[in-house]
Amino acid sequence: MSTHKFSPKGSVAGLRPRAIVAGGAGFIGSHLCEYLLEKNFYVICVDNLLTGSMRNIKHLLSNPYFRFHRADVTRPLSLRGRAEVIFNLASPASPWDYLRLPLQTLAAGSLGTRNLLDLAVRKEAVFVLASTSEVYGDPEVHPQQENYRGNVNPVGVRSCYDEAKRYAEALTMAYHRKYGLSTRIARIFNTYGPRMKPDDGRVIPDMIMRALRGRPLRIFGNGMQTRSFCYVTDMVEGLFRLTRCPDPMPINLGSPEETTILGLAQILGRALKRKIRMRFLPALEDDPRKRKPDISRAMHLLSWKPSVPLKQGLASTIDWFRSIYT
């Protein structure tokens, strides 16, 4: 099999290219399904709804070019028809989810990734792995470049997610080397926007919901740990552009604009036009002190960088949470 460069024109003249999005009922996955439909793809969304939700894709079900297939990717998949590209976003991805579902998270990264890779081999499809910045652990290099090998605790409470993704990357490269499969690896940094779950442990939805309900914001540790936040529309644009890049090595996708958690709380307070109270709690185990991507490879290979400023993205996210949960 040749490592072909994916073209959105599809492999069959006159037909829409077909994309399989595993984990398509999740936060990023549902936005990716929308984006692909706008790009004139036929989209097959595969999800077992363990952490995804039909509410995220309800508005897509009437689209004749969208199909939902409920399935667990940790079991062998049988999907008829061709596919030009397969996106693997099938995994619990938020701290509260993977801490309560450690075995399912490890299975998704190992068995699930292998089953989707086997499917990509059979269909001669481009395979895109949604990996994570968590492969860098608590980094000793800042900002993080793709050639940094990480500082990960393999037996810590977060290891079920970190190591599942690290294994998934190794498995993806093994299929690329052994079968010549056309593969891509996206290391996704903190992403936010509408359709995040309010109770999944991620800092932005947690802060927004607490602020809207008049509760103090939870600050774990001293609040000086840093993150960089990428709006979800920018992220799915990056994932799509990745399909057109023949380079199989990992590429960071995320915002290079870094802010402290305390800084985020202050930005949120200004966006809500209200005084924010904060409650300081003990630091979380293995919580990274710094997190910021070097996106030089993405800028060079994909001609991509985020375009939505944090202030603008937060305003849209706040509006969505306010409309749904208040």
Protein backbone atom coordinates (compact mmCIF):
# COMPACT_ATOMS: atom_id res chain seq x y z
CA MET A 1 0.00 0.00 0.00
CA SER A 2 1.38 3.39 -0.91
CA THR A 3 1.55 6.22 1.60
CA HIS A 4 -0.65 8.41 -0.59
CA LYS A 5 -1.42 12.04 0.09
CA PHE A 6 -5.09 12.28 0.97
CA SER A 7 -7.25 14.29 -1.41
CA PRO A 8 -10.76 15.51 -0.47
CA LYS A 9 -11.88 14.70 -4.01
CA GLY A 10 -12.14 11.08 -2.94
CA SER A 11 -10.91 7.91 -4.58
CA VAL A 12 -14.02 7.33 -6.70
CA ALA A 13 -14.88 9.89 -9.34
CA GLY A 14 -18.17 11.69 -8.75
CA LEU A 15 -18.67 10.39 -5.22
CA ARG A 16 -18.23 12.18 -1.94
CA PRO A 17 -15.15 11.11 0.00
CA ARG A 18 -16.11 9.06 3.05
CA ALA A 19 -14.76 9.66 6.53
CA ILE A 20 -15.13 7.47 9.61
CA VAL A 21 -14.95 9.42 12.86
CA ALA A 22 -14.50 7.12 15.86
CA GLY A 23 -15.55 8.98 18.97
CA GLY A 24 -17.68 11.22 16.77
CA ALA A 25 -20.33 11.85 19.44
CA GLY A 26 -17.78 13.40 21.77
CA PHE A 27 -16.81 17.04 22.17
CA ILE A 28 -14.16 17.42 19.46
CA GLY A 29 -15.51 14.50 17.44
CA SER A 30 -18.95 16.06 16.95
CA HIS A 31 -17.40 19.32 15.75
CA LEU A 32 -15.19 17.33 13.37
CA CYS A 33 -18.26 15.54 11.96
CA GLU A 34 -19.87 18.93 11.31
CA TYR A 35 -16.75 20.26 9.66
CA LEU A 36 -16.39 17.25 7.36
CA LEU A 37 -20.03 17.52 6.27
CA GLU A 38 -19.38 21.15 5.37
CA LYS A 39 -16.43 19.92 3.29
CA ASN A 40 -18.81 17.61 1.36
CA PHE A 41 -17.79 14.35 3.00
CA TYR A 42 -20.05 11.43 3.72
CA VAL A 43 -19.48 10.95 7.47
CA ILE A 44 -19.86 7.75 9.50
CA CYS A 45 -19.80 8.53 13.20
CA VAL A 46 -18.81 5.57 15.38
CA ASP A 47 -19.31 5.83 19.13
CA ASN A 48 -20.35 3.58 22.02
CA LEU A 49 -21.64 6.63 23.97
CA LEU A 50 -19.53 5.75 27.00
CA THR A 51 -18.53 9.40 27.31
CA GLY A 52 -20.03 10.81 24.11
CA SER A 53 -23.63 11.95 23.81
CA MET A 54 -26.35 11.78 21.16
CA ARG A 55 -27.15 15.37 22.07
CA ASN A 56 -23.88 16.40 20.41
CA ILE A 57 -24.91 14.96 17.04
CA LYS A 58 -28.71 15.14 17.21
CA HIS A 59 -28.76 18.02 14.74
CA LEU A 60 -26.79 15.94 12.22
CA LEU A 61 -29.04 12.86 12.14
CA SER A 62 -31.35 14.27 9.48
CA ASN A 63 -28.44 14.94 7.12
CA PRO A 64 -28.48 12.27 4.36
CA TYR A 65 -24.70 12.28 4.26
CA PHE A 66 -24.33 11.46 7.95
CA ARG A 67 -24.71 8.07 9.60
CA PHE A 68 -24.39 7.13 13.25
CA HIS A 69 -23.10 3.65 14.02
CA ARG A 70 -23.16 2.65 17.67
CA ALA A 71 -20.20 0.38 18.32
CA ASP A 72 -17.33 -0.22 20.73
CA VAL A 73 -14.02 0.12 18.89
CA THR A 74 -12.34 -2.26 21.34
CA ARG A 75 -14.20 -4.98 19.46
CA PRO A 76 -13.47 -5.79 15.80
CA LEU A 77 -15.29 -3.41 13.46
CA SER A 78 -17.16 -4.36 10.33
CA LEU A 79 -18.19 -1.31 8.33
CA ARG A 80 -19.19 -1.78 4.72
CA GLY A 81 -18.12 0.42 1.88
CA ARG A 82 -15.04 2.45 1.20
CA ALA A 83 -13.44 5.09 3.38
CA GLU A 84 -10.79 7.60 2.42
CA VAL A 85 -9.92 8.67 5.97
CA ILE A 86 -10.41 7.32 9.50
CA PHE A 87 -10.11 9.59 12.51
CA ASN A 88 -9.50 7.92 15.88
CA LEU A 89 -10.84 10.12 18.67
CA ALA A 90 -12.35 7.17 20.56
CA SER A 91 -11.21 7.48 24.17
CA PRO A 92 -12.29 9.03 27.45
CA ALA A 93 -10.35 12.29 27.35
CA SER A 94 -11.27 14.33 30.41
CA PRO A 95 -9.68 13.75 33.83
CA TRP A 96 -12.90 12.80 35.59
CA ASP A 97 -13.74 10.33 32.83
CA TYR A 98 -10.45 8.50 32.53
CA LEU A 99 -9.94 8.42 36.31
CA ARG A 100 -13.28 6.64 36.75
CA LEU A 101 -12.81 4.52 33.60
CA PRO A 102 -9.13 3.51 33.67
CA LEU A 103 -9.53 0.06 32.11
CA GLN A 104 -11.81 1.32 29.34
CA THR A 105 -9.32 4.11 28.62
CA LEU A 106 -6.43 1.66 28.31
CA ALA A 107 -8.53 -0.63 26.12
CA ALA A 108 -9.50 2.25 23.82
CA GLY A 109 -5.86 3.23 23.35
CA SER A 110 -4.68 -0.32 22.70
CA LEU A 111 -7.43 -2.60 21.34
CA GLY A 112 -9.45 0.26 19.92
CA THR A 113 -6.53 1.78 18.08
CA ARG A 114 -5.50 -1.59 16.67
CA ASN A 115 -9.00 -2.37 15.42
CA LEU A 116 -9.23 1.01 13.70
CA LEU A 117 -5.77 0.56 12.19
CA ASP A 118 -6.82 -2.85 10.85
CA LEU A 119 -9.90 -1.19 9.35
CA ALA A 120 -7.70 1.46 7.73
CA VAL A 121 -5.49 -1.26 6.22
CA ARG A 122 -8.51 -3.07 4.77
CA LYS A 123 -9.94 0.13 3.31
CA GLU A 124 -6.59 1.66 2.32
CA ALA A 125 -7.61 4.79 4.21
CA VAL A 126 -5.58 7.57 5.74
CA PHE A 127 -5.49 7.01 9.51
CA VAL A 128 -5.44 10.00 11.87
CA LEU A 129 -4.71 9.39 15.54
CA ALA A 130 -5.90 11.99 18.02
CA SER A 131 -3.11 11.78 20.56
CA THR A 132 -2.54 14.26 23.36
CA SER A 133 -0.12 16.68 24.97
CA GLU A 134 -0.32 14.35 27.99
CA VAL A 135 2.35 12.21 26.31
CA TYR A 136 4.79 14.90 27.48
CA GLY A 137 3.74 14.41 31.11
CA ASP A 138 5.00 17.11 33.46
CA PRO A 139 7.48 18.50 30.94
CA GLU A 140 11.03 19.49 31.71
CA VAL A 141 11.28 21.24 28.32
CA HIS A 142 9.25 24.36 27.56
CA PRO A 143 7.57 24.91 25.17
CA GLN A 144 7.10 21.29 24.12
CA GLN A 145 8.45 20.22 20.74
CA GLU A 146 7.50 16.93 19.12
CA ASN A 147 11.01 15.52 19.56
CA TYR A 148 10.73 15.83 23.37
CA ARG A 149 10.19 12.34 24.80
CA GLY A 150 8.32 13.41 27.90
CA ASN A 151 8.40 13.06 31.66
CA VAL A 152 5.53 10.68 32.35
CA ASN A 153 4.78 8.69 35.50
CA PRO A 154 3.88 5.23 34.12
CA VAL A 155 2.17 4.13 37.36
CA GLY A 156 0.51 7.39 38.46
CA VAL A 157 -3.23 8.04 38.57
CA ARG A 158 -3.12 9.66 35.13
CA SER A 159 -1.08 6.87 33.56
CA CYS A 160 -4.15 5.07 32.19
CA TYR A 161 -4.62 7.96 29.76
CA ASP A 162 -1.00 9.03 29.23
CA GLU A 163 0.30 5.55 28.53
CA ALA A 164 -2.72 4.56 26.43
CA LYS A 165 -1.94 7.44 24.09
CA ARG A 166 1.78 6.76 24.07
CA TYR A 167 1.06 3.12 23.17
CA ALA A 168 -1.42 4.24 20.49
CA GLU A 169 1.30 6.39 18.92
CA ALA A 170 3.75 3.46 18.93
CA LEU A 171 1.12 1.17 17.41
CA THR A 172 0.27 3.70 14.72
CA MET A 173 3.93 4.02 13.72
CA ALA A 174 4.31 0.22 13.71
CA TYR A 175 1.43 -0.07 11.19
CA HIS A 176 2.96 2.69 9.12
CA ARG A 177 6.33 0.92 9.01
CA LYS A 178 5.06 -2.64 8.57
CA TYR A 179 2.15 -2.09 6.17
CA GLY A 180 3.01 1.25 4.58
CA LEU A 181 -0.25 2.61 5.99
CA SER A 182 -0.71 6.34 5.50
CA THR A 183 -0.84 7.58 9.10
CA ARG A 184 -0.93 10.91 10.94
CA ILE A 185 -0.50 11.68 14.64
CA ALA A 186 -1.97 14.83 16.18
CA ARG A 187 -0.80 15.74 19.67
CA ILE A 188 -3.78 17.77 20.84
CA PHE A 189 -3.29 20.41 23.52
CA ASN A 190 -6.09 21.85 25.69
CA THR A 191 -9.16 22.44 23.54
CA TYR A 192 -12.39 24.15 24.59
CA GLY A 193 -15.72 25.30 23.23
CA PRO A 194 -19.42 24.42 23.06
CA ARG A 195 -20.46 20.82 23.86
CA MET A 196 -17.93 20.28 26.61
CA LYS A 197 -19.46 18.44 29.54
CA PRO A 198 -19.94 20.65 32.60
CA ASP A 199 -18.70 18.03 35.04
CA ASP A 200 -15.76 16.42 33.25
CA GLY A 201 -13.00 17.96 35.36
CA ARG A 202 -11.54 20.20 32.67
CA VAL A 203 -10.72 23.67 33.90
CA ILE A 204 -12.75 25.83 31.50
CA PRO A 205 -16.16 24.14 31.87
CA ASP A 206 -15.57 23.72 35.60
CA MET A 207 -14.83 27.42 36.02
CA ILE A 208 -17.67 28.57 33.78
CA MET A 209 -20.30 26.46 35.51
CA ARG A 210 -19.15 27.50 38.98
CA ALA A 211 -19.11 31.16 37.99
CA LEU A 212 -22.58 30.97 36.45
CA ARG A 213 -23.91 29.36 39.63
CA GLY A 214 -22.22 31.92 41.88
CA ARG A 215 -19.80 29.43 43.38
CA PRO A 216 -16.09 30.01 44.03
CA LEU A 217 -13.76 28.75 41.33
CA ARG A 218 -11.60 25.79 42.31
CA ILE A 219 -7.87 26.48 42.03
CA PHE A 220 -5.72 23.39 42.52
CA GLY A 221 -2.30 24.27 43.91
CA ASN A 222 -1.16 27.88 43.73
CA GLY A 223 -2.77 28.56 40.34
CA MET A 224 0.57 29.41 38.71
CA GLN A 225 0.56 26.29 36.56
CA THR A 226 0.12 27.23 32.90
CA ARG A 227 -2.00 26.00 30.04
CA SER A 228 -2.68 27.09 26.47
CA PHE A 229 -6.25 26.90 25.19
CA CYS A 230 -7.29 26.28 21.59
CA TYR A 231 -10.86 26.90 20.42
CA VAL A 232 -12.49 23.81 18.98
CA THR A 233 -13.10 25.21 15.46
CA ASP A 234 -9.37 25.86 15.12
CA MET A 235 -8.62 22.34 16.32
CA VAL A 236 -10.83 20.58 13.78
CA GLU A 237 -9.35 22.72 11.02
CA GLY A 238 -5.92 21.49 12.10
CA LEU A 239 -7.08 17.87 12.17
CA PHE A 240 -8.46 18.18 8.66
CA ARG A 241 -5.32 19.80 7.31
CA LEU A 242 -3.34 16.97 8.84
CA THR A 243 -5.01 14.53 6.43
CA ARG A 244 -3.33 16.31 3.53
CA CYS A 245 0.15 16.16 5.07
CA PRO A 246 2.15 13.00 4.20
CA ASP A 247 4.44 13.30 7.24
CA PRO A 248 3.68 10.40 9.66
CA MET A 249 5.53 11.85 12.64
CA PRO A 250 3.62 13.59 15.47
CA ILE A 251 2.48 17.19 15.01
CA ASN A 252 1.42 19.44 17.88
CA LEU A 253 -1.98 21.11 17.52
CA GLY A 254 -2.81 23.77 20.07
CA SER A 255 -2.50 27.41 20.98
CA PRO A 256 0.96 28.83 21.66
CA GLU A 257 -0.60 31.52 23.90
CA GLU A 258 0.11 30.54 27.49
CA THR A 259 -1.82 31.64 30.57
CA THR A 260 -1.77 30.71 34.23
CA ILE A 261 -4.83 29.18 35.82
CA LEU A 262 -5.16 32.30 37.97
CA GLY A 263 -4.94 34.38 34.79
CA LEU A 264 -7.68 32.29 33.23
CA ALA A 265 -9.94 32.95 36.23
CA GLN A 266 -9.39 36.69 35.83
CA ILE A 267 -10.11 36.58 32.08
CA LEU A 268 -13.29 34.63 32.82
CA GLY A 269 -14.38 37.18 35.40
CA ARG A 270 -13.99 40.00 32.88
CA ALA A 271 -15.91 38.02 30.26
CA LEU A 272 -18.77 37.46 32.71
CA LYS A 273 -18.54 41.04 34.04
CA ARG A 274 -18.69 39.84 37.61
CA LYS A 275 -16.40 39.47 40.58
CA ILE A 276 -14.91 36.01 40.81
CA ARG A 277 -14.30 34.20 44.09
CA MET A 278 -11.66 31.51 44.29
CA ARG A 279 -11.15 28.49 46.52
CA PHE A 280 -7.63 27.06 46.72
CA LEU A 281 -7.30 23.28 47.00
CA PRO A 282 -4.32 20.88 47.17
CA ALA A 283 -2.51 20.33 43.88
CA LEU A 284 -3.62 17.35 41.81
CA GLU A 285 -1.29 14.37 41.51
CA ASP A 286 1.02 14.56 38.46
CA ASP A 287 -0.66 17.77 37.31
CA PRO A 288 1.72 19.38 34.78
CA ARG A 289 3.24 22.66 35.94
CA LYS A 290 3.61 24.03 32.42
CA ARG A 291 1.93 23.21 29.15
CA LYS A 292 2.53 25.07 25.89
CA PRO A 293 3.04 23.66 22.40
CA ASP A 294 5.70 24.57 19.93
CA ILE A 295 3.61 24.59 16.74
CA SER A 296 6.44 25.27 14.30
CA ARG A 297 5.81 21.96 12.50
CA ALA A 298 2.09 22.63 12.17
CA MET A 299 2.76 26.12 10.83
CA HIS A 300 5.31 24.80 8.32
CA LEU A 301 3.66 21.54 7.22
CA LEU A 302 -0.03 22.45 7.54
CA SER A 303 0.06 26.24 7.15
CA TRP A 304 -2.00 26.20 10.35
CA LYS A 305 -2.17 28.20 13.53
CA PRO A 306 -5.13 29.06 15.79
CA SER A 307 -7.10 32.16 14.84
CA VAL A 308 -9.73 32.49 17.61
CA PRO A 309 -8.47 34.61 20.55
CA LEU A 310 -9.13 33.25 24.04
CA LYS A 311 -11.41 36.16 24.92
CA GLN A 312 -13.59 35.54 21.86
CA GLY A 313 -13.68 31.77 22.30
CA LEU A 314 -14.56 32.08 25.98
CA ALA A 315 -17.46 34.40 25.17
CA SER A 316 -18.94 31.84 22.75
CA THR A 317 -18.38 29.03 25.21
CA ILE A 318 -19.98 30.95 28.07
CA ASP A 319 -23.01 31.75 25.89
CA TRP A 320 -23.43 28.06 25.08
CA PHE A 321 -23.15 26.91 28.71
CA ARG A 322 -25.56 29.62 29.79
CA SER A 323 -28.12 28.56 27.15
CA ILE A 324 -27.90 24.86 27.99
CA TYR A 325 -27.35 24.67 31.73
CA THR A 326 -28.89 27.78 33.27
